């Protein structure tokens, strides 16, 4: 007996969709995702950002290559009209919202507030100077930066405001990845860059929301509907500020209160993931109705939720992996489908955008870092670190393009600028901060009492207190209160590196050179590492107050010496300092052998 087929969905039976539409949509999305993931992984293996490979996948499958070689194949996979085209558009909107959700989760307002004047100095000059430069060039010489001179006069102001914001915004996820690769993420310099970028992103996206409200209310561009077209600009701006203020106060409080019981009683990570996604989608729908854009709601929802101490690093990592491996490739490949990069690549526009973007951001952040008391070399490193634009700049450009605010020529220049600044930031930072000698970990451990031994601590606070007490006994009272300084730094952001390793640290006026004290916690202590693993090996790093590079070198030495699981396990089993130094010497020899 032949088994009966399942019933035809009502939408198909009613003719709203055809099997051809569904087949075309699924085939197109499958091919696009597969190509984007494949080329993204190839880019990663070559040491390049995955977004570069994802965009190249869209370039190859889109109007730039495939449509030129075989227009029929392109239109079959990615029709420009019909239900399949609408479905792909919906996927791209959803992907953009989720990408901005991840960016919002990276913004930790508590970290920003604890960083002090240095963060506000760098973020202020890092916003004002590039914004002023970008706005000035766009307003005074729009023809040099890809403006359509046939646009009405009232379109110039929103255009110039957008260019200013595009020059001022950063890319938090890209910056975090660069700092992680350079072993700088947990350093004070790394936290300064991260917290400054958080403020830049928050203010930049709020500013862009205002620009969208302006173009919607004035009728410039193509608009998306909602409240704004029927209301004066001040009404839309009022709704925007009310939404932001409510989410960053009451929304933060509610998210913090709900996350604890969700994590306690719901399945992990499904419970938290579901809560975060629902909150982001509801906020996206609200801001879309307000006439701004759905992605702004997702970003602010991420900021409100990400600020909660109940949202663990491991949970953030799970959300980021889910979105980054599925929706990010679809988005970046999808937007590259629709633009002909060969037809709209203009050398002059690309050159102007690159010069304005790099000069404005680097000089702006350098000025703020110098004002905060950083050395010239550290100030330049902050400037180049903050200049990385990455994926967020491309999202910003795509939204402006979809609203009719910019031309394809400027969009292509923005994509080139975003990739170029992301590629150059890491190598230039490494070059600026690199010293002739890279000390080994065993050279930084004091000759006596550098091995604290087995700790009795059961939590992060007591572990830091125990390590600090041993260091205080070795260094004396002249260096200041080590425990208070290390714990104050730990409260800004966790120093758990993952894989059972934590690096609590502080910079002290009484310390003359960087030194490392090593302690073991066989049962593990929770340092909120991204992989969720408790820290069993603690390296307390103390360095001079006004020498950020010394701390960076010490963090690099710890990472290099203890990168091997075998070395970590050996050190963890050591009974005294002699055995520990012997284990580190063996590890150094093995690394030198591999290097040769």
Protein backbone atom coordinates (compact mmCIF):
# COMPACT_ATOMS: atom_id res chain seq x y z
CA UNK A 1 0.00 0.00 0.00
CA UNK A 2 1.37 3.39 -0.99
CA UNK A 3 1.68 5.82 1.92
CA UNK A 4 -0.37 9.00 1.49
CA UNK A 5 1.49 12.21 0.74
CA UNK A 6 1.35 15.00 3.31
CA UNK A 7 -1.26 17.72 2.63
CA UNK A 8 -0.23 20.70 0.52
CA UNK A 9 0.28 23.84 2.66
CA UNK A 10 -2.64 26.25 2.43
CA UNK A 11 -0.47 29.04 1.02
CA UNK A 12 0.62 26.81 -1.85
CA UNK A 13 -2.87 25.48 -2.49
CA UNK A 14 -4.27 29.01 -2.56
CA UNK A 15 -1.71 30.07 -5.10
CA UNK A 16 0.13 32.53 -2.83
CA UNK A 17 3.30 30.54 -3.45
CA UNK A 18 4.17 28.02 -6.08
CA UNK A 19 6.42 25.02 -5.77
CA UNK A 20 8.70 26.79 -8.24
CA UNK A 21 8.97 29.81 -5.89
CA UNK A 22 9.79 27.61 -2.90
CA UNK A 23 12.30 25.56 -4.88
CA UNK A 24 14.00 28.67 -6.27
CA UNK A 25 14.18 30.29 -2.83
CA UNK A 26 15.63 27.21 -1.10
CA UNK A 27 18.09 26.54 -3.93
CA UNK A 28 19.31 30.14 -3.97
CA UNK A 29 19.73 30.36 -0.20
CA UNK A 30 21.46 26.97 -0.08
CA UNK A 31 23.93 27.85 -2.84
CA UNK A 32 24.58 31.29 -1.34
CA UNK A 33 25.15 29.98 2.19
CA UNK A 34 27.34 27.11 0.99
CA UNK A 35 29.54 29.34 -1.14
CA UNK A 36 29.81 32.00 1.56
CA UNK A 37 30.76 29.49 4.26
CA UNK A 38 33.30 27.80 1.97
CA UNK A 39 35.00 31.02 0.89
CA UNK A 40 34.83 32.41 4.41
CA UNK A 41 36.72 29.39 5.72
CA UNK A 42 39.29 29.72 2.92
CA UNK A 43 39.83 33.36 3.90
CA UNK A 44 40.26 32.33 7.54
CA UNK A 45 42.84 29.69 6.64
CA UNK A 46 44.76 32.37 4.70
CA UNK A 47 44.79 34.59 7.78
CA UNK A 48 42.16 37.03 6.43
CA UNK A 49 38.80 38.12 7.89
CA UNK A 50 36.03 35.67 7.04
CA UNK A 51 33.84 38.56 5.86
CA UNK A 52 36.25 39.03 2.95
CA UNK A 53 35.57 35.50 1.70
CA UNK A 54 31.83 35.88 2.31
CA UNK A 55 31.69 39.05 0.22
CA UNK A 56 33.77 37.43 -2.52
CA UNK A 57 31.22 34.60 -2.66
CA UNK A 58 28.49 37.15 -3.37
CA UNK A 59 30.69 38.90 -5.92
CA UNK A 60 31.26 35.63 -7.80
CA UNK A 61 27.59 34.56 -7.69
CA UNK A 62 26.18 38.03 -8.30
CA UNK A 63 26.04 40.81 -10.84
CA UNK A 64 29.80 41.24 -10.88
CA UNK A 65 30.73 37.79 -12.24
CA UNK A 66 27.93 35.23 -12.73
CA UNK A 67 25.44 37.70 -14.24
CA UNK A 68 28.09 38.68 -16.79
CA UNK A 69 29.06 35.10 -17.66
CA UNK A 70 25.58 33.52 -17.56
CA UNK A 71 22.64 35.87 -17.01
CA UNK A 72 20.18 32.96 -17.18
CA UNK A 73 21.95 31.06 -14.38
CA UNK A 74 22.01 34.19 -12.23
CA UNK A 75 18.32 34.94 -12.74
CA UNK A 76 17.43 31.29 -12.07
CA UNK A 77 19.24 31.23 -8.74
CA UNK A 78 18.48 34.79 -7.65
CA UNK A 79 15.46 36.27 -9.43
CA UNK A 80 14.99 39.99 -8.91
CA UNK A 81 11.19 39.78 -8.72
CA UNK A 82 8.63 37.41 -7.26
CA UNK A 83 8.21 35.51 -4.01
CA UNK A 84 11.73 34.03 -4.03
CA UNK A 85 13.24 37.52 -4.28
CA UNK A 86 11.03 38.75 -1.42
CA UNK A 87 12.04 35.74 0.67
CA UNK A 88 15.75 36.48 0.19
CA UNK A 89 15.14 40.12 1.12
CA UNK A 90 13.47 39.00 4.36
CA UNK A 91 16.42 36.73 5.14
CA UNK A 92 18.83 39.64 4.62
CA UNK A 93 16.81 41.95 6.90
CA UNK A 94 16.69 39.27 9.60
CA UNK A 95 20.43 38.65 9.21
CA UNK A 96 21.22 42.35 9.56
CA UNK A 97 19.11 42.56 12.73
CA UNK A 98 20.88 39.58 14.27
CA UNK A 99 24.32 40.91 13.35
CA UNK A 100 23.51 44.20 15.10
CA UNK A 101 22.21 42.20 18.06
CA UNK A 102 25.65 40.59 18.38
CA UNK A 103 27.30 44.02 18.09
CA UNK A 104 25.03 45.32 20.85
CA UNK A 105 25.88 42.40 23.12
CA UNK A 106 29.54 43.45 22.87
CA UNK A 107 28.71 46.87 24.36
CA UNK A 108 29.16 46.56 28.13
CA UNK A 109 28.12 49.88 29.66
CA UNK A 110 29.47 48.92 33.08
CA UNK A 111 32.94 48.48 31.55
CA UNK A 112 32.68 51.91 29.94
CA UNK A 113 31.71 53.61 33.20
CA UNK A 114 34.62 52.01 35.08
CA UNK A 115 37.31 53.01 32.57
CA UNK A 116 37.45 56.69 33.53
CA UNK A 117 38.62 59.74 31.59
CA UNK A 118 40.84 57.87 29.15
CA UNK A 119 37.87 56.09 27.54
CA UNK A 120 35.79 59.24 27.25
CA UNK A 121 38.75 61.19 25.88
CA UNK A 122 39.55 58.64 23.18
CA UNK A 123 35.90 58.06 22.27
CA UNK A 124 35.10 61.79 22.18
CA UNK A 125 37.99 62.83 19.91
CA UNK A 126 37.63 59.53 18.01
CA UNK A 127 34.05 60.52 17.15
CA UNK A 128 34.25 64.29 16.72
CA UNK A 129 37.34 64.57 14.49
CA UNK A 130 36.47 61.85 11.93
CA UNK A 131 32.83 63.00 11.89
CA UNK A 132 33.84 66.62 11.25
CA UNK A 133 36.29 65.58 8.52
CA UNK A 134 33.81 63.26 6.81
CA UNK A 135 30.93 65.73 7.06
CA UNK A 136 33.10 68.58 5.81
CA UNK A 137 34.33 66.73 2.73
CA UNK A 138 30.86 65.38 1.90
CA UNK A 139 29.15 68.75 2.32
CA UNK A 140 31.76 71.00 0.71
CA UNK A 141 32.99 68.66 -2.06
CA UNK A 142 30.31 65.95 -2.48
CA UNK A 143 31.33 65.23 -6.08
CA UNK A 144 34.61 63.75 -4.83
CA UNK A 145 32.99 61.22 -2.53
CA UNK A 146 30.41 59.61 -4.78
CA UNK A 147 27.41 61.92 -4.32
CA UNK A 148 24.78 61.95 -7.07
CA UNK A 149 24.82 65.60 -8.13
CA UNK A 150 21.37 65.20 -9.70
CA UNK A 151 19.80 64.74 -6.25
CA UNK A 152 17.66 67.57 -4.85
CA UNK A 153 19.39 70.14 -2.64
CA UNK A 154 17.68 68.88 0.53
CA UNK A 155 19.36 65.48 0.08
CA UNK A 156 22.86 66.90 0.63
CA UNK A 157 22.55 67.43 4.40
CA UNK A 158 21.42 63.83 5.20
CA UNK A 159 24.14 62.57 2.86
CA UNK A 160 26.86 64.61 4.59
CA UNK A 161 25.60 63.53 8.03
CA UNK A 162 25.73 59.90 6.94
CA UNK A 163 29.29 60.21 5.63
CA UNK A 164 30.36 61.86 8.91
CA UNK A 165 28.83 59.02 10.93
CA UNK A 166 30.31 56.39 8.61
CA UNK A 167 33.77 57.87 9.15
CA UNK A 168 33.29 57.96 12.95
CA UNK A 169 31.82 54.51 13.65
CA UNK A 170 33.96 51.47 14.52
CA UNK A 171 33.48 47.70 14.37
CA UNK A 172 33.50 46.17 17.86
CA UNK A 173 33.53 42.49 16.82
CA UNK A 174 36.46 43.07 14.45
CA UNK A 175 38.40 45.05 17.06
CA UNK A 176 37.80 42.33 19.67
CA UNK A 177 39.10 39.66 17.26
CA UNK A 178 42.21 41.71 16.42
CA UNK A 179 43.00 42.29 20.11
CA UNK A 180 42.46 38.61 20.85
CA UNK A 181 44.84 37.56 18.07
CA UNK A 182 47.49 39.95 19.44
CA UNK A 183 46.99 38.75 23.05
CA UNK A 184 45.85 42.29 23.94
CA UNK A 185 42.17 41.78 24.71
CA UNK A 186 42.64 41.44 28.49
CA UNK A 187 45.31 44.17 28.73
CA UNK A 188 44.54 47.68 29.97
CA UNK A 189 45.32 49.05 26.51
CA UNK A 190 42.96 46.52 24.97
CA UNK A 191 40.18 47.44 27.41
CA UNK A 192 40.70 51.13 26.61
CA UNK A 193 40.26 50.42 22.90
CA UNK A 194 37.23 48.18 23.49
CA UNK A 195 35.42 50.57 25.82
CA UNK A 196 36.10 53.55 23.53
CA UNK A 197 34.77 51.54 20.59
CA UNK A 198 31.65 50.72 22.62
CA UNK A 199 30.85 54.40 23.08
CA UNK A 200 31.61 55.08 19.40
CA UNK A 201 29.24 52.34 18.27
CA UNK A 202 26.45 53.36 20.62
CA UNK A 203 26.59 57.05 19.64
CA UNK A 204 27.18 56.23 15.98
CA UNK A 205 24.12 54.02 15.61
CA UNK A 206 21.95 56.47 17.54
CA UNK A 207 23.18 59.18 15.16
CA UNK A 208 22.42 57.01 12.13
CA UNK A 209 18.91 56.39 13.47
CA UNK A 210 18.46 60.17 13.55
CA UNK A 211 19.63 60.43 9.93
CA UNK A 212 17.12 57.75 8.90
CA UNK A 213 14.40 59.67 10.74
CA UNK A 214 15.46 62.83 8.90
CA UNK A 215 15.32 61.28 5.43
CA UNK A 216 12.01 59.54 6.20
CA UNK A 217 10.35 62.72 7.45
CA UNK A 218 11.69 64.91 4.65
CA UNK A 219 10.80 62.44 1.90
CA UNK A 220 14.41 62.16 0.77
CA UNK A 221 15.38 58.62 -0.23
CA UNK A 222 13.10 55.63 -0.50
CA UNK A 223 11.85 55.34 3.12
CA UNK A 224 10.40 52.32 4.79
CA UNK A 225 7.14 53.55 6.19
CA UNK A 226 6.13 53.58 9.84
CA UNK A 227 5.43 56.61 12.00
CA UNK A 228 8.03 58.95 10.58
CA UNK A 229 6.54 59.82 7.16
CA UNK A 230 3.33 61.09 8.83
CA UNK A 231 5.00 62.99 11.65
CA UNK A 232 7.46 65.89 11.98
CA UNK A 233 11.12 65.04 12.46
CA UNK A 234 11.05 66.03 16.12
CA UNK A 235 8.32 63.45 16.81
CA UNK A 236 10.38 60.61 15.34
CA UNK A 237 13.50 61.79 17.17
CA UNK A 238 11.47 61.99 20.37
CA UNK A 239 10.28 58.40 19.92
CA UNK A 240 13.88 57.33 19.23
CA UNK A 241 15.29 58.98 22.35
CA UNK A 242 12.42 57.62 24.45
CA UNK A 243 13.09 54.11 23.16
CA UNK A 244 16.84 54.35 23.80
CA UNK A 245 16.38 55.85 27.26
CA UNK A 246 13.75 53.28 28.24
CA UNK A 247 15.78 50.31 27.00
CA UNK A 248 19.03 51.44 28.65
CA UNK A 249 17.31 51.99 32.03
CA UNK A 250 14.14 49.94 32.55
CA UNK A 251 15.01 47.51 29.77
CA UNK A 252 18.46 46.81 31.26
CA UNK A 253 16.92 46.27 34.70
CA UNK A 254 14.22 43.91 33.39
CA UNK A 255 16.67 41.90 31.28
CA UNK A 256 18.98 41.49 34.29
CA UNK A 257 16.12 40.31 36.47
CA UNK A 258 14.82 37.82 33.90
CA UNK A 259 18.14 36.29 32.89
CA UNK A 260 18.86 34.73 36.28
CA UNK A 261 15.66 32.58 36.48
CA UNK A 262 15.85 31.78 32.75
CA UNK A 263 19.36 30.39 33.15
CA UNK A 264 18.39 28.61 36.38
CA UNK A 265 15.26 26.84 35.14
CA UNK A 266 15.33 26.77 31.33
CA UNK A 267 17.46 24.50 29.18
CA UNK A 268 20.91 25.80 28.29
CA UNK A 269 21.61 27.44 25.92
CA UNK A 270 18.11 27.27 24.42
CA UNK A 271 16.41 29.27 27.16
CA UNK A 272 18.74 32.25 27.04
CA UNK A 273 19.09 32.11 23.25
CA UNK A 274 15.31 32.15 22.87
CA UNK A 275 14.94 35.08 25.28
CA UNK A 276 17.62 37.13 23.52
CA UNK A 277 16.17 36.45 20.06
CA UNK A 278 12.61 37.29 21.10
CA UNK A 279 13.70 40.54 22.74
CA UNK A 280 15.71 41.53 19.65
CA UNK A 281 12.87 40.78 17.22
CA UNK A 282 10.28 42.66 19.29
CA UNK A 283 12.53 45.71 19.57
CA UNK A 284 13.28 45.47 15.84
CA UNK A 285 9.58 45.48 15.03
CA UNK A 286 9.05 48.50 17.29
CA UNK A 287 11.80 50.62 15.74
CA UNK A 288 10.69 49.63 12.22
CA UNK A 289 7.21 50.86 13.10
CA UNK A 290 8.77 54.08 14.39
CA UNK A 291 10.21 54.61 10.92
CA UNK A 292 13.89 54.30 11.86
CA UNK A 293 15.06 50.80 10.98
CA UNK A 294 14.64 47.37 12.49
CA UNK A 295 18.37 46.87 13.02
CA UNK A 296 18.51 49.79 15.44
CA UNK A 297 16.03 48.04 17.73
CA UNK A 298 18.10 44.85 17.65
CA UNK A 299 21.27 46.79 18.48
CA UNK A 300 19.75 48.58 21.49
CA UNK A 301 18.21 45.29 22.69
CA UNK A 302 21.68 43.76 22.56
CA UNK A 303 23.14 46.64 24.57
CA UNK A 304 20.43 46.31 27.24
CA UNK A 305 20.81 42.53 27.55
CA UNK A 306 24.58 42.37 27.17
CA UNK A 307 25.14 44.66 30.13
CA UNK A 308 23.80 42.03 32.55
CA UNK A 309 26.31 40.14 34.65
CA UNK A 310 24.03 37.10 34.36
CA UNK A 311 24.85 36.76 30.66
CA UNK A 312 27.91 34.56 30.80
CA UNK A 313 30.79 34.75 28.33
CA UNK A 314 30.07 31.21 27.22
CA UNK A 315 26.46 32.15 26.43
CA UNK A 316 27.59 35.21 24.46
CA UNK A 317 29.97 32.98 22.54
CA UNK A 318 27.16 30.53 21.71
CA UNK A 319 24.92 33.32 20.40
CA UNK A 320 27.77 34.79 18.37
CA UNK A 321 28.68 31.41 16.86
CA UNK A 322 25.07 30.67 15.91
CA UNK A 323 24.58 34.02 14.18
CA UNK A 324 28.13 34.37 12.86
CA UNK A 325 28.16 31.02 11.08
CA UNK A 326 24.70 31.14 9.48
CA UNK A 327 23.29 34.64 9.18
CA UNK A 328 26.51 36.64 8.73
CA UNK A 329 27.62 34.69 5.61
CA UNK A 330 24.13 35.00 4.13
CA UNK A 331 24.03 38.74 4.74
CA UNK A 332 27.44 39.67 3.36
CA UNK A 333 27.18 37.37 0.37
CA UNK A 334 23.60 38.54 -0.21
CA UNK A 335 24.39 42.25 -0.37
CA UNK A 336 27.33 41.57 -2.70
CA UNK A 337 24.93 39.80 -5.09
CA UNK A 338 23.07 42.97 -5.94
CA UNK A 339 26.00 45.32 -6.61
CA UNK A 340 28.22 45.28 -9.70
CA UNK A 341 31.61 45.94 -8.13
CA UNK A 342 33.35 46.27 -11.50
CA UNK A 343 30.91 48.80 -12.90
CA UNK A 344 30.83 50.97 -9.77
CA UNK A 345 34.45 50.79 -8.63
CA UNK A 346 35.85 54.31 -8.86
CA UNK A 347 39.50 54.81 -7.92
CA UNK A 348 39.04 58.44 -6.96
CA UNK A 349 36.08 57.80 -4.66
CA UNK A 350 37.82 54.83 -3.03
CA UNK A 351 40.97 56.90 -2.44
CA UNK A 352 39.06 59.81 -0.87
CA UNK A 353 37.03 57.51 1.39
CA UNK A 354 40.16 55.64 2.51
CA UNK A 355 42.12 58.81 3.26
CA UNK A 356 39.28 60.49 5.14
CA UNK A 357 38.40 57.33 7.09
CA UNK A 358 41.94 56.48 8.16
CA UNK A 359 43.21 60.00 8.80
CA UNK A 360 40.17 61.12 10.76
CA UNK A 361 39.95 58.06 13.01
CA UNK A 362 43.68 57.61 13.63
CA UNK A 363 44.35 61.27 14.36
CA UNK A 364 41.21 61.63 16.46
CA UNK A 365 41.93 58.64 18.68
CA UNK A 366 45.65 59.53 18.87
CA UNK A 367 44.74 62.96 20.22
CA UNK A 368 42.44 61.46 22.86
CA UNK A 369 45.01 58.86 23.89
CA UNK A 370 47.73 61.51 24.22
CA UNK A 371 45.41 63.63 26.35
CA UNK A 372 44.83 60.56 28.56
CA UNK A 373 48.59 60.28 29.17
CA UNK A 374 49.55 57.39 26.88
CA UNK A 375 52.97 57.29 25.25
CA UNK A 376 53.21 58.28 21.55
CA UNK A 377 53.62 54.68 20.45
CA UNK A 378 50.63 53.51 22.51
CA UNK A 379 48.54 56.46 21.28
CA UNK A 380 49.23 55.58 17.63
CA UNK A 381 48.37 51.93 18.39
CA UNK A 382 45.01 53.03 19.84
CA UNK A 383 44.36 55.11 16.73
CA UNK A 384 45.02 52.29 14.29
CA UNK A 385 43.14 49.79 16.46
CA UNK A 386 40.06 52.01 16.50
CA UNK A 387 40.26 52.55 12.74
CA UNK A 388 39.05 49.00 11.97
CA UNK A 389 35.56 49.30 10.45
CA UNK A 390 34.77 45.75 9.36
CA UNK A 391 31.30 44.29 9.06
CA UNK A 392 29.37 47.08 10.78
CA UNK A 393 30.55 49.65 8.25
CA UNK A 394 29.31 47.42 5.43
CA UNK A 395 25.92 47.04 7.13
CA UNK A 396 25.75 50.82 7.56
CA UNK A 397 26.56 51.34 3.88
CA UNK A 398 24.01 48.75 2.75
CA UNK A 399 21.26 50.43 4.76
CA UNK A 400 22.14 53.83 3.32
CA UNK A 401 22.14 52.32 -0.18
CA UNK A 402 18.76 50.66 0.36
CA UNK A 403 17.32 53.99 1.54
CA UNK A 404 18.56 55.77 -1.59
CA UNK A 405 20.88 57.93 0.52
CA UNK A 406 24.11 56.94 -1.27
CA UNK A 407 25.06 55.62 -4.70
CA UNK A 408 26.51 52.24 -5.61
CA UNK A 409 29.83 53.98 -6.26
CA UNK A 410 30.09 55.17 -2.66
CA UNK A 411 28.84 51.82 -1.33
CA UNK A 412 31.63 49.97 -3.16
CA UNK A 413 34.15 52.46 -1.74
CA UNK A 414 32.77 51.87 1.77
CA UNK A 415 33.12 48.09 1.38
CA UNK A 416 36.74 48.49 0.21
CA UNK A 417 37.47 50.86 3.10
CA UNK A 418 35.89 48.52 5.68
CA UNK A 419 37.98 45.56 4.52
CA UNK A 420 41.20 47.56 4.12
CA UNK A 421 41.04 49.13 7.59
CA UNK A 422 40.29 45.75 9.16
CA UNK A 423 43.26 44.15 7.41
CA UNK A 424 45.75 46.87 8.34
CA UNK A 425 44.76 47.46 11.98
CA UNK A 426 46.31 44.31 13.49
CA UNK A 427 49.70 44.37 11.73
CA UNK A 428 50.18 48.10 12.40
CA UNK A 429 49.27 47.72 16.09
CA UNK A 430 51.66 44.80 16.38
CA UNK A 431 54.42 46.81 14.71
CA UNK A 432 53.88 49.84 16.97
CA UNK A 433 53.80 47.86 20.22
CA UNK A 434 56.51 45.35 19.38
CA UNK A 435 59.84 45.64 21.20
CA UNK A 436 63.13 44.15 20.09
CA UNK A 437 63.04 41.56 22.88
CA UNK A 438 60.09 39.29 23.71
CA UNK A 439 60.68 38.11 27.28
CA UNK A 440 60.01 34.52 28.22
CA UNK A 441 57.60 33.77 31.05
CA UNK A 442 60.29 32.20 33.24
CA UNK A 443 62.31 35.44 32.96
CA UNK A 444 59.39 37.41 34.43
CA UNK A 445 58.86 35.15 37.45
CA UNK A 446 60.69 36.41 40.58
CA UNK A 447 63.64 34.24 41.59
CA UNK A 448 62.02 33.62 44.97
CA UNK A 449 58.34 33.23 45.85
CA UNK A 450 57.25 33.45 42.22
CA UNK A 451 55.42 30.14 42.56
CA UNK A 452 52.53 30.56 44.98
CA UNK A 453 51.71 26.85 44.91
CA UNK A 454 48.35 25.25 45.54
CA UNK A 455 45.61 27.77 46.39
CA UNK A 456 42.77 27.16 48.84
CA UNK A 457 40.46 29.59 47.03
CA UNK A 458 36.96 28.57 45.98
CA UNK A 459 35.99 31.71 44.05
CA UNK A 460 37.54 34.50 42.00
CA UNK A 461 37.70 37.03 44.83
CA UNK A 462 39.46 34.73 47.27
CA UNK A 463 41.85 33.47 44.56
CA UNK A 464 42.95 37.03 43.77
CA UNK A 465 43.30 37.80 47.48
CA UNK A 466 45.49 34.75 48.02
CA UNK A 467 47.69 35.49 45.02
CA UNK A 468 47.96 39.17 45.96
CA UNK A 469 48.95 38.32 49.53
CA UNK A 470 51.88 36.23 48.29
CA UNK A 471 52.97 39.00 45.92
CA UNK A 472 52.60 41.62 48.68
CA UNK A 473 54.83 39.61 51.01
CA UNK A 474 57.46 39.43 48.29
CA UNK A 475 57.34 43.08 47.19
CA UNK A 476 56.49 44.81 50.46
CA UNK A 477 54.06 47.63 51.21
CA UNK A 478 55.88 50.23 49.08
CA UNK A 479 54.14 49.04 45.91
CA UNK A 480 50.68 49.82 47.29
CA UNK A 481 47.69 47.57 47.98
CA UNK A 482 48.06 44.83 45.37
CA UNK A 483 44.82 43.04 46.24
CA UNK A 484 42.69 46.19 45.87
CA UNK A 485 44.32 47.14 42.55
CA UNK A 486 43.97 43.66 41.03
CA UNK A 487 40.38 43.24 42.18
CA UNK A 488 39.44 46.70 40.87
CA UNK A 489 40.80 45.72 37.45
CA UNK A 490 39.02 42.37 37.58
CA UNK A 491 35.67 44.07 38.15
CA UNK A 492 36.07 46.04 34.93
CA UNK A 493 36.24 42.84 32.88
CA UNK A 494 37.09 39.23 33.60
CA UNK A 495 40.66 38.11 32.94
CA UNK A 496 39.75 34.49 32.24
CA UNK A 497 41.45 33.45 28.99
CA UNK A 498 39.83 30.04 28.75
CA UNK A 499 41.37 26.55 28.65
CA UNK A 500 41.82 26.68 32.43
CA UNK A 501 43.99 29.83 32.44
CA UNK A 502 43.37 33.25 34.04
CA UNK A 503 45.62 36.33 34.12
CA UNK A 504 44.50 38.74 36.86
CA UNK A 505 46.69 41.84 36.64
CA UNK A 506 47.27 45.44 37.69
CA UNK A 507 49.61 48.33 36.95
CA UNK A 508 51.14 49.85 40.10
CA UNK A 509 53.24 52.95 40.69
CA UNK A 510 55.64 51.10 43.00
CA UNK A 511 56.44 48.30 40.53
CA UNK A 512 59.62 48.91 38.51
CA UNK A 513 59.35 46.06 35.99
CA UNK A 514 56.80 43.48 34.91
CA UNK A 515 56.64 40.30 36.98
CA UNK A 516 54.43 37.22 37.08
CA UNK A 517 53.36 35.11 40.08
CA UNK A 518 51.99 31.65 39.32
CA UNK A 519 49.38 29.81 41.38
CA UNK A 520 47.46 26.55 40.95
CA UNK A 521 43.80 25.78 41.71
CA UNK A 522 43.39 22.03 41.12
CA UNK A 523 39.60 22.21 41.61
CA UNK A 524 39.20 25.27 39.39
CA UNK A 525 37.87 28.78 40.00
CA UNK A 526 35.22 30.47 37.85
CA UNK A 527 36.79 33.42 35.98
CA UNK A 528 33.91 33.72 33.47
CA UNK A 529 35.98 32.54 30.51
CA UNK A 530 34.35 32.33 27.09
CA UNK A 531 34.69 28.53 26.98
CA UNK A 532 33.07 28.15 30.42
CA UNK A 533 36.08 26.27 31.79
CA UNK A 534 37.13 27.10 35.39
CA UNK A 535 40.64 28.48 35.81
CA UNK A 536 43.11 26.02 37.32
CA UNK A 537 46.25 27.99 36.51
CA UNK A 538 46.51 31.63 37.62
CA UNK A 539 49.22 34.04 36.48
CA UNK A 540 49.15 37.28 38.49
CA UNK A 541 50.82 40.01 36.39
CA UNK A 542 52.09 43.20 38.04
CA UNK A 543 53.65 45.93 35.88
CA UNK A 544 54.68 49.61 36.08
CA UNK A 545 51.83 52.10 36.15
CA UNK A 546 52.95 54.17 33.17
CA UNK A 547 54.24 51.38 30.94
CA UNK A 548 51.35 49.70 29.13
CA UNK A 549 53.75 47.87 26.82
CA UNK A 550 55.37 46.03 29.74
CA UNK A 551 51.97 44.60 30.67
CA UNK A 552 51.31 43.64 27.05
CA UNK A 553 54.66 41.84 26.84
CA UNK A 554 53.91 39.94 30.04
CA UNK A 555 50.48 38.85 28.75
CA UNK A 556 52.11 37.76 25.50
CA UNK A 557 54.77 35.80 27.40
CA UNK A 558 52.09 33.96 29.43
CA UNK A 559 50.09 33.13 26.30
CA UNK A 560 53.15 31.83 24.43
CA UNK A 561 54.51 29.77 27.30
CA UNK A 562 51.21 28.16 28.27
CA UNK A 563 49.61 27.69 24.87
CA UNK A 564 50.17 23.94 25.03
CA UNK A 565 47.72 21.81 27.10
CA UNK A 566 50.66 19.56 28.02
CA UNK A 567 52.65 22.47 29.46
CA UNK A 568 49.65 23.71 31.45
CA UNK A 569 49.08 20.24 32.86
CA UNK A 570 52.77 19.89 33.79
CA UNK A 571 52.88 23.27 35.55
CA UNK A 572 49.65 22.47 37.36
CA UNK A 573 51.28 19.33 38.76
CA UNK A 574 54.47 21.07 39.96
CA UNK A 575 55.27 20.98 43.67
CA UNK A 576 57.68 23.93 43.80
CA UNK A 577 59.24 26.76 41.81
CA UNK A 578 62.18 24.68 40.61
CA UNK A 579 59.89 22.11 38.99
CA UNK A 580 57.80 24.90 37.42
CA UNK A 581 60.85 26.64 35.92
CA UNK A 582 62.08 23.32 34.57
CA UNK A 583 58.71 22.71 32.89
CA UNK A 584 58.77 26.19 31.32
CA UNK A 585 62.36 25.67 30.12
CA UNK A 586 61.36 22.45 28.38
CA UNK A 587 58.38 24.22 26.78
CA UNK A 588 60.66 27.04 25.56
CA UNK A 589 63.07 24.55 24.04
CA UNK A 590 60.27 22.70 22.26
CA UNK A 591 58.87 25.96 20.86
CA UNK A 592 62.31 27.02 19.65
CA UNK A 593 62.71 23.66 17.94
CA UNK A 594 59.38 24.01 16.16
CA UNK A 595 60.28 27.57 15.14
CA UNK A 596 63.45 26.33 13.43
